[in-house]
Amino acid sequence: MMIAVALLAMALAAAAGDRSDLLLISAGVCAAVAIFGLLVFESTNRRDRTDHHERPHLLDDSYVPTPVWKRRARDADEKGR
């Protein structure tokens, strides 16, 4: 997303300098980078919610599993409802 912000600044500078060719290029790449970044984050977030992770893990696949005693307590609590 930082790249998208930098490209947005480049697009604004190109617009101020009356350079329409650079404006179109930088604005298009900015939009593509922003959309790609949001898609990556949202797909990771959805996967983590599906796997019941406690927080998003963007860079690693491994996580500390829930301890057995906590899992048993949670399962017993769900059965009691």
PDB file of N, CA and C in Angstrom:
ATOM      1  N   MET A   1       0.821  -1.189   0.000  1.00  0.00           N
ATOM      2  CA  MET A   1       0.000   0.000   0.000  1.00  0.00           C
ATOM      3  C   MET A   1       0.868   1.257   0.000  1.00  0.00           C
ATOM      4  N   MET A   2       2.068   1.148   0.540  1.00  0.00           N
ATOM      5  CA  MET A   2       2.954   2.318   0.514  1.00  0.00           C
ATOM      6  C   MET A   2       3.351   2.647  -0.923  1.00  0.00           C
ATOM      7  N   ILE A   3       3.473   1.622  -1.737  1.00  0.00           N
ATOM      8  CA  ILE A   3       3.798   1.852  -3.148  1.00  0.00           C
ATOM      9  C   ILE A   3       2.646   2.577  -3.827  1.00  0.00           C
ATOM     10  N   ALA A   4       1.413   2.206  -3.482  1.00  0.00           N
ATOM     11  CA  ALA A   4       0.242   2.868  -4.064  1.00  0.00           C
ATOM     12  C   ALA A   4       0.200   4.347  -3.659  1.00  0.00           C
ATOM     13  N   VAL A   5       0.562   4.646  -2.427  1.00  0.00           N
ATOM     14  CA  VAL A   5       0.579   6.038  -1.978  1.00  0.00           C
ATOM     15  C   VAL A   5       1.654   6.827  -2.731  1.00  0.00           C
ATOM     16  N   ALA A   6       2.820   6.208  -2.928  1.00  0.00           N
ATOM     17  CA  ALA A   6       3.881   6.878  -3.684  1.00  0.00           C
ATOM     18  C   ALA A   6       3.458   7.101  -5.137  1.00  0.00           C
ATOM     19  N   LEU A   7       2.787   6.135  -5.716  1.00  0.00           N
ATOM     20  CA  LEU A   7       2.316   6.293  -7.093  1.00  0.00           C
ATOM     21  C   LEU A   7       1.216   7.350  -7.189  1.00  0.00           C
ATOM     22  N   LEU A   8       0.398   7.458  -6.149  1.00  0.00           N
ATOM     23  CA  LEU A   8      -0.616   8.502  -6.124  1.00  0.00           C
ATOM     24  C   LEU A   8       0.043   9.880  -6.092  1.00  0.00           C
ATOM     25  N   ALA A   9       1.103  10.012  -5.312  1.00  0.00           N
ATOM     26  CA  ALA A   9       1.841  11.279  -5.281  1.00  0.00           C
ATOM     27  C   ALA A   9       2.450  11.583  -6.650  1.00  0.00           C
ATOM     28  N   MET A  10       2.949  10.554  -7.312  1.00  0.00           N
ATOM     29  CA  MET A  10       3.498  10.763  -8.653  1.00  0.00           C
ATOM     30  C   MET A  10       2.407  11.187  -9.629  1.00  0.00           C
ATOM     31  N   ALA A  11       1.217  10.612  -9.497  1.00  0.00           N
ATOM     32  CA  ALA A  11       0.106  10.981 -10.375  1.00  0.00           C
ATOM     33  C   ALA A  11      -0.309  12.423 -10.142  1.00  0.00           C
ATOM     34  N   LEU A  12      -0.356  12.826  -8.888  1.00  0.00           N
ATOM     35  CA  LEU A  12      -0.711  14.220  -8.595  1.00  0.00           C
ATOM     36  C   LEU A  12       0.340  15.193  -9.101  1.00  0.00           C
ATOM     37  N   ALA A  13       1.617  14.820  -8.975  1.00  0.00           N
ATOM     38  CA  ALA A  13       2.688  15.679  -9.495  1.00  0.00           C
ATOM     39  C   ALA A  13       2.625  15.755 -11.019  1.00  0.00           C
ATOM     40  N   ALA A  14       2.302  14.646 -11.667  1.00  0.00           N
ATOM     41  CA  ALA A  14       2.185  14.653 -13.131  1.00  0.00           C
ATOM     42  C   ALA A  14       0.999  15.501 -13.562  1.00  0.00           C
ATOM     43  N   ALA A  15      -0.094  15.461 -12.780  1.00  0.00           N
ATOM     44  CA  ALA A  15      -1.249  16.297 -13.118  1.00  0.00           C
ATOM     45  C   ALA A  15      -0.915  17.773 -12.960  1.00  0.00           C
ATOM     46  N   ALA A  16      -0.160  18.099 -11.918  1.00  0.00           N
ATOM     47  CA  ALA A  16       0.217  19.502 -11.698  1.00  0.00           C
ATOM     48  C   ALA A  16       1.195  19.980 -12.769  1.00  0.00           C
ATOM     49  N   GLY A  17       2.009  19.084 -13.298  1.00  0.00           N
ATOM     50  CA  GLY A  17       2.993  19.449 -14.311  1.00  0.00           C
ATOM     51  C   GLY A  17       2.467  19.337 -15.728  1.00  0.00           C
ATOM     52  N   ASP A  18       1.170  19.067 -15.890  1.00  0.00           N
ATOM     53  CA  ASP A  18       0.555  18.960 -17.216  1.00  0.00           C
ATOM     54  C   ASP A  18       1.173  17.840 -18.058  1.00  0.00           C
ATOM     55  N   ARG A  19       1.479  16.724 -17.428  1.00  0.00           N
ATOM     56  CA  ARG A  19       2.031  15.559 -18.131  1.00  0.00           C
ATOM     57  C   ARG A  19       0.995  14.458 -18.130  1.00  0.00           C
ATOM     58  N   SER A  20       0.072  14.490 -19.076  1.00  0.00           N
ATOM     59  CA  SER A  20      -1.054  13.558 -19.084  1.00  0.00           C
ATOM     60  C   SER A  20      -0.621  12.110 -19.321  1.00  0.00           C
ATOM     61  N   ASP A  21       0.466  11.909 -20.066  1.00  0.00           N
ATOM     62  CA  ASP A  21       0.919  10.541 -20.309  1.00  0.00           C
ATOM     63  C   ASP A  21       1.424   9.892 -19.025  1.00  0.00           C
ATOM     64  N   LEU A  22       2.219  10.630 -18.247  1.00  0.00           N
ATOM     65  CA  LEU A  22       2.704  10.092 -16.974  1.00  0.00           C
ATOM     66  C   LEU A  22       1.578   9.984 -15.947  1.00  0.00           C
ATOM     67  N   LEU A  23       0.613  10.869 -16.038  1.00  0.00           N
ATOM     68  CA  LEU A  23      -0.538  10.820 -15.136  1.00  0.00           C
ATOM     69  C   LEU A  23      -1.316   9.537 -15.324  1.00  0.00           C
ATOM     70  N   LEU A  24      -1.597   9.181 -16.562  1.00  0.00           N
ATOM     71  CA  LEU A  24      -2.351   7.960 -16.835  1.00  0.00           C
ATOM     72  C   LEU A  24      -1.593   6.706 -16.411  1.00  0.00           C
ATOM     73  N   ILE A  25      -0.300   6.690 -16.670  1.00  0.00           N
ATOM     74  CA  ILE A  25       0.510   5.524 -16.302  1.00  0.00           C
ATOM     75  C   ILE A  25       0.555   5.367 -14.786  1.00  0.00           C
ATOM     76  N   SER A  26       0.903   6.430 -14.077  1.00  0.00           N
ATOM     77  CA  SER A  26       1.050   6.318 -12.621  1.00  0.00           C
ATOM     78  C   SER A  26      -0.292   6.090 -11.930  1.00  0.00           C
ATOM     79  N   ALA A  27      -1.368   6.698 -12.420  1.00  0.00           N
ATOM     80  CA  ALA A  27      -2.685   6.476 -11.815  1.00  0.00           C
ATOM     81  C   ALA A  27      -3.167   5.046 -12.058  1.00  0.00           C
ATOM     82  N   GLY A  28      -2.915   4.516 -13.245  1.00  0.00           N
ATOM     83  CA  GLY A  28      -3.302   3.139 -13.535  1.00  0.00           C
ATOM     84  C   GLY A  28      -2.537   2.133 -12.704  1.00  0.00           C
ATOM     85  N   VAL A  29      -1.237   2.324 -12.599  1.00  0.00           N
ATOM     86  CA  VAL A  29      -0.426   1.415 -11.790  1.00  0.00           C
ATOM     87  C   VAL A  29      -0.794   1.549 -10.312  1.00  0.00           C
ATOM     88  N   CYS A  30      -1.094   2.768  -9.865  1.00  0.00           N
ATOM     89  CA  CYS A  30      -1.519   2.999  -8.481  1.00  0.00           C
ATOM     90  C   CYS A  30      -2.802   2.227  -8.184  1.00  0.00           C
ATOM     91  N   ALA A  31      -3.757   2.298  -9.060  1.00  0.00           N
ATOM     92  CA  ALA A  31      -5.020   1.575  -8.865  1.00  0.00           C
ATOM     93  C   ALA A  31      -4.793   0.070  -8.861  1.00  0.00           C
ATOM     94  N   ALA A  32      -3.959  -0.422  -9.765  1.00  0.00           N
ATOM     95  CA  ALA A  32      -3.690  -1.860  -9.827  1.00  0.00           C
ATOM     96  C   ALA A  32      -2.990  -2.356  -8.561  1.00  0.00           C
ATOM     97  N   VAL A  33      -2.009  -1.602  -8.082  1.00  0.00           N
ATOM     98  CA  VAL A  33      -1.288  -1.992  -6.872  1.00  0.00           C
ATOM     99  C   VAL A  33      -2.217  -1.959  -5.664  1.00  0.00           C
ATOM    100  N   ALA A  34      -3.061  -0.935  -5.569  1.00  0.00           N
ATOM    101  CA  ALA A  34      -3.985  -0.832  -4.438  1.00  0.00           C
ATOM    102  C   ALA A  34      -4.996  -1.976  -4.448  1.00  0.00           C
ATOM    103  N   ILE A  35      -5.534  -2.301  -5.601  1.00  0.00           N
ATOM    104  CA  ILE A  35      -6.503  -3.394  -5.691  1.00  0.00           C
ATOM    105  C   ILE A  35      -5.841  -4.723  -5.360  1.00  0.00           C
ATOM    106  N   PHE A  36      -4.649  -4.949  -5.875  1.00  0.00           N
ATOM    107  CA  PHE A  36      -3.935  -6.195  -5.585  1.00  0.00           C
ATOM    108  C   PHE A  36      -3.626  -6.314  -4.093  1.00  0.00           C
ATOM    109  N   GLY A  37      -3.185  -5.224  -3.475  1.00  0.00           N
ATOM    110  CA  GLY A  37      -2.890  -5.248  -2.041  1.00  0.00           C
ATOM    111  C   GLY A  37      -4.110  -5.540  -1.206  1.00  0.00           C
ATOM    112  N   LEU A  38      -5.230  -4.935  -1.558  1.00  0.00           N
ATOM    113  CA  LEU A  38      -6.468  -5.194  -0.823  1.00  0.00           C
ATOM    114  C   LEU A  38      -6.944  -6.631  -1.009  1.00  0.00           C
ATOM    115  N   LEU A  39      -6.803  -7.157  -2.209  1.00  0.00           N
ATOM    116  CA  LEU A  39      -7.196  -8.546  -2.454  1.00  0.00           C
ATOM    117  C   LEU A  39      -6.343  -9.527  -1.651  1.00  0.00           C
ATOM    118  N   VAL A  40      -5.048  -9.279  -1.592  1.00  0.00           N
ATOM    119  CA  VAL A  40      -4.167 -10.152  -0.822  1.00  0.00           C
ATOM    120  C   VAL A  40      -4.535 -10.094   0.657  1.00  0.00           C
ATOM    121  N   PHE A  41      -4.752  -8.894   1.183  1.00  0.00           N
ATOM    122  CA  PHE A  41      -5.097  -8.767   2.594  1.00  0.00           C
ATOM    123  C   PHE A  41      -6.435  -9.427   2.907  1.00  0.00           C
ATOM    124  N   GLU A  42      -7.432  -9.180   2.081  1.00  0.00           N
ATOM    125  CA  GLU A  42      -8.752  -9.742   2.347  1.00  0.00           C
ATOM    126  C   GLU A  42      -8.763 -11.266   2.229  1.00  0.00           C
ATOM    127  N   SER A  43      -8.027 -11.813   1.261  1.00  0.00           N
ATOM    128  CA  SER A  43      -7.999 -13.275   1.140  1.00  0.00           C
ATOM    129  C   SER A  43      -7.272 -13.896   2.327  1.00  0.00           C
ATOM    130  N   THR A  44      -6.219 -13.248   2.808  1.00  0.00           N
ATOM    131  CA  THR A  44      -5.522 -13.745   3.993  1.00  0.00           C
ATOM    132  C   THR A  44      -6.412 -13.645   5.219  1.00  0.00           C
ATOM    133  N   ASN A  45      -7.110 -12.547   5.349  1.00  0.00           N
ATOM    134  CA  ASN A  45      -7.999 -12.344   6.484  1.00  0.00           C
ATOM    135  C   ASN A  45      -9.115 -13.388   6.487  1.00  0.00           C
ATOM    136  N   ARG A  46      -9.677 -13.660   5.332  1.00  0.00           N
ATOM    137  CA  ARG A  46     -10.748 -14.666   5.246  1.00  0.00           C
ATOM    138  C   ARG A  46     -10.226 -16.054   5.576  1.00  0.00           C
ATOM    139  N   ARG A  47      -9.056 -16.386   5.076  1.00  0.00           N
ATOM    140  CA  ARG A  47      -8.458 -17.696   5.372  1.00  0.00           C
ATOM    141  C   ARG A  47      -8.185 -17.842   6.862  1.00  0.00           C
ATOM    142  N   ASP A  48      -7.693 -16.779   7.494  1.00  0.00           N
ATOM    143  CA  ASP A  48      -7.422 -16.841   8.925  1.00  0.00           C
ATOM    144  C   ASP A  48      -8.708 -16.993   9.727  1.00  0.00           C
ATOM    145  N   ARG A  49      -9.773 -16.322   9.310  1.00  0.00           N
ATOM    146  CA  ARG A  49     -11.047 -16.489  10.012  1.00  0.00           C
ATOM    147  C   ARG A  49     -11.579 -17.901   9.828  1.00  0.00           C
ATOM    148  N   THR A  50     -11.377 -18.479   8.645  1.00  0.00           N
ATOM    149  CA  THR A  50     -11.825 -19.845   8.386  1.00  0.00           C
ATOM    150  C   THR A  50     -11.052 -20.845   9.248  1.00  0.00           C
ATOM    151  N   ASP A  51      -9.750 -20.608   9.415  1.00  0.00           N
ATOM    152  CA  ASP A  51      -8.904 -21.495  10.217  1.00  0.00           C
ATOM    153  C   ASP A  51      -8.926 -21.142  11.701  1.00  0.00           C
ATOM    154  N   HIS A  52      -9.711 -20.135  12.088  1.00  0.00           N
ATOM    155  CA  HIS A  52      -9.860 -19.705  13.480  1.00  0.00           C
ATOM    156  C   HIS A  52      -8.545 -19.231  14.091  1.00  0.00           C
ATOM    157  N   HIS A  53      -7.762 -18.477  13.341  1.00  0.00           N
ATOM    158  CA  HIS A  53      -6.562 -17.866  13.899  1.00  0.00           C
ATOM    159  C   HIS A  53      -6.982 -16.668  14.734  1.00  0.00           C
ATOM    160  N   GLU A  54      -6.129 -16.297  15.665  1.00  0.00           N
ATOM    161  CA  GLU A  54      -6.466 -15.183  16.543  1.00  0.00           C
ATOM    162  C   GLU A  54      -6.234 -13.823  15.887  1.00  0.00           C
ATOM    163  N   ARG A  55      -5.371 -13.755  14.889  1.00  0.00           N
ATOM    164  CA  ARG A  55      -5.086 -12.517  14.175  1.00  0.00           C
ATOM    165  C   ARG A  55      -4.589 -12.871  12.777  1.00  0.00           C
ATOM    166  N   PRO A  56      -4.605 -11.923  11.835  1.00  0.00           N
ATOM    167  CA  PRO A  56      -4.120 -12.227  10.485  1.00  0.00           C
ATOM    168  C   PRO A  56      -2.627 -12.569  10.465  1.00  0.00           C
ATOM    169  N   HIS A  57      -2.265 -13.580   9.711  1.00  0.00           N
ATOM    170  CA  HIS A  57      -0.873 -13.996   9.549  1.00  0.00           C
ATOM    171  C   HIS A  57      -0.516 -13.809   8.078  1.00  0.00           C
ATOM    172  N   LEU A  58      -0.072 -12.630   7.715  1.00  0.00           N
ATOM    173  CA  LEU A  58       0.182 -12.343   6.310  1.00  0.00           C
ATOM    174  C   LEU A  58       1.421 -13.051   5.772  1.00  0.00           C
ATOM    175  N   LEU A  59       2.427 -13.264   6.613  1.00  0.00           N
ATOM    176  CA  LEU A  59       3.697 -13.750   6.092  1.00  0.00           C
ATOM    177  C   LEU A  59       4.047 -15.173   6.493  1.00  0.00           C
ATOM    178  N   ASP A  60       3.243 -15.814   7.325  1.00  0.00           N
ATOM    179  CA  ASP A  60       3.586 -17.171   7.722  1.00  0.00           C
ATOM    180  C   ASP A  60       2.360 -18.068   7.704  1.00  0.00           C
ATOM    181  N   ASP A  61       2.610 -19.347   7.462  1.00  0.00           N
ATOM    182  CA  ASP A  61       1.539 -20.336   7.438  1.00  0.00           C
ATOM    183  C   ASP A  61       1.340 -20.976   8.801  1.00  0.00           C
ATOM    184  N   SER A  62       2.388 -20.980   9.595  1.00  0.00           N
ATOM    185  CA  SER A  62       2.291 -21.676  10.871  1.00  0.00           C
ATOM    186  C   SER A  62       1.766 -20.743  11.950  1.00  0.00           C
ATOM    187  N   TYR A  63       1.117 -21.327  12.913  1.00  0.00           N
ATOM    188  CA  TYR A  63       0.640 -20.583  14.058  1.00  0.00           C
ATOM    189  C   TYR A  63       0.602 -21.537  15.236  1.00  0.00           C
ATOM    190  N   VAL A  64       0.556 -20.986  16.403  1.00  0.00           N
ATOM    191  CA  VAL A  64       0.521 -21.809  17.598  1.00  0.00           C
ATOM    192  C   VAL A  64      -0.899 -22.334  17.760  1.00  0.00           C
ATOM    193  N   PRO A  65      -1.075 -23.653  17.741  1.00  0.00           N
ATOM    194  CA  PRO A  65      -2.430 -24.193  17.875  1.00  0.00           C
ATOM    195  C   PRO A  65      -2.977 -23.959  19.285  1.00  0.00           C
ATOM    196  N   THR A  66      -4.280 -24.010  19.384  1.00  0.00           N
ATOM    197  CA  THR A  66      -4.931 -23.846  20.676  1.00  0.00           C
ATOM    198  C   THR A  66      -4.556 -25.022  21.567  1.00  0.00           C
ATOM    199  N   PRO A  67      -4.156 -24.762  22.823  1.00  0.00           N
ATOM    200  CA  PRO A  67      -3.807 -25.873  23.715  1.00  0.00           C
ATOM    201  C   PRO A  67      -4.992 -26.824  23.905  1.00  0.00           C
ATOM    202  N   VAL A  68      -4.680 -28.071  24.186  1.00  0.00           N
ATOM    203  CA  VAL A  68      -5.712 -29.093  24.310  1.00  0.00           C
ATOM    204  C   VAL A  68      -6.695 -28.743  25.419  1.00  0.00           C
ATOM    205  N   TRP A  69      -6.181 -28.267  26.561  1.00  0.00           N
ATOM    206  CA  TRP A  69      -7.078 -27.964  27.687  1.00  0.00           C
ATOM    207  C   TRP A  69      -8.050 -26.844  27.341  1.00  0.00           C
ATOM    208  N   LYS A  70      -7.587 -25.875  26.548  1.00  0.00           N
ATOM    209  CA  LYS A  70      -8.460 -24.769  26.168  1.00  0.00           C
ATOM    210  C   LYS A  70      -9.478 -25.230  25.116  1.00  0.00           C
ATOM    211  N   ARG A  71      -9.041 -26.109  24.223  1.00  0.00           N
ATOM    212  CA  ARG A  71      -9.929 -26.636  23.205  1.00  0.00           C
ATOM    213  C   ARG A  71     -11.048 -27.458  23.839  1.00  0.00           C
ATOM    214  N   ARG A  72     -10.679 -28.284  24.840  1.00  0.00           N
ATOM    215  CA  ARG A  72     -11.688 -29.093  25.531  1.00  0.00           C
ATOM    216  C   ARG A  72     -12.685 -28.208  26.257  1.00  0.00           C
ATOM    217  N   ALA A  73     -12.188 -27.153  26.902  1.00  0.00           N
ATOM    218  CA  ALA A  73     -13.090 -26.240  27.622  1.00  0.00           C
ATOM    219  C   ALA A  73     -14.022 -25.541  26.652  1.00  0.00           C
ATOM    220  N   ARG A  74     -13.511 -25.141  25.496  1.00  0.00           N
ATOM    221  CA  ARG A  74     -14.346 -24.466  24.512  1.00  0.00           C
ATOM    222  C   ARG A  74     -15.397 -25.413  23.954  1.00  0.00           C
ATOM    223  N   ASP A  75     -14.994 -26.679  23.676  1.00  0.00           N
ATOM    224  CA  ASP A  75     -15.946 -27.663  23.157  1.00  0.00           C
ATOM    225  C   ASP A  75     -17.026 -27.974  24.190  1.00  0.00           C
ATOM    226  N   ALA A  76     -16.631 -28.087  25.462  1.00  0.00           N
ATOM    227  CA  ALA A  76     -17.613 -28.356  26.518  1.00  0.00           C
ATOM    228  C   ALA A  76     -18.565 -27.184  26.678  1.00  0.00           C
ATOM    229  N   ASP A  77     -18.039 -25.968  26.522  1.00  0.00           N
ATOM    230  CA  ASP A  77     -18.884 -24.772  26.635  1.00  0.00           C
ATOM    231  C   ASP A  77     -19.878 -24.707  25.482  1.00  0.00           C
ATOM    232  N   GLU A  78     -19.453 -25.097  24.291  1.00  0.00           N
ATOM    233  CA  GLU A  78     -20.358 -25.078  23.140  1.00  0.00           C
ATOM    234  C   GLU A  78     -21.438 -26.147  23.267  1.00  0.00           C
ATOM    235  N   LYS A  79     -21.115 -27.284  23.857  1.00  0.00           N
ATOM    236  CA  LYS A  79     -22.114 -28.340  24.043  1.00  0.00           C
ATOM    237  C   LYS A  79     -23.148 -27.941  25.085  1.00  0.00           C
ATOM    238  N   GLY A  80     -22.731 -27.121  26.055  1.00  0.00           N
ATOM    239  CA  GLY A  80     -23.640 -26.704  27.111  1.00  0.00           C
ATOM    240  C   GLY A  80     -24.657 -25.687  26.647  1.00  0.00           C
ATOM    241  N   ARG A  81     -24.447 -25.077  25.514  1.00  0.00           N
ATOM    242  CA  ARG A  81     -25.370 -24.037  25.023  1.00  0.00           C
ATOM    243  C   ARG A  81     -26.562 -24.615  24.402  1.00  0.00           C
TER     244      ARG A  81
END
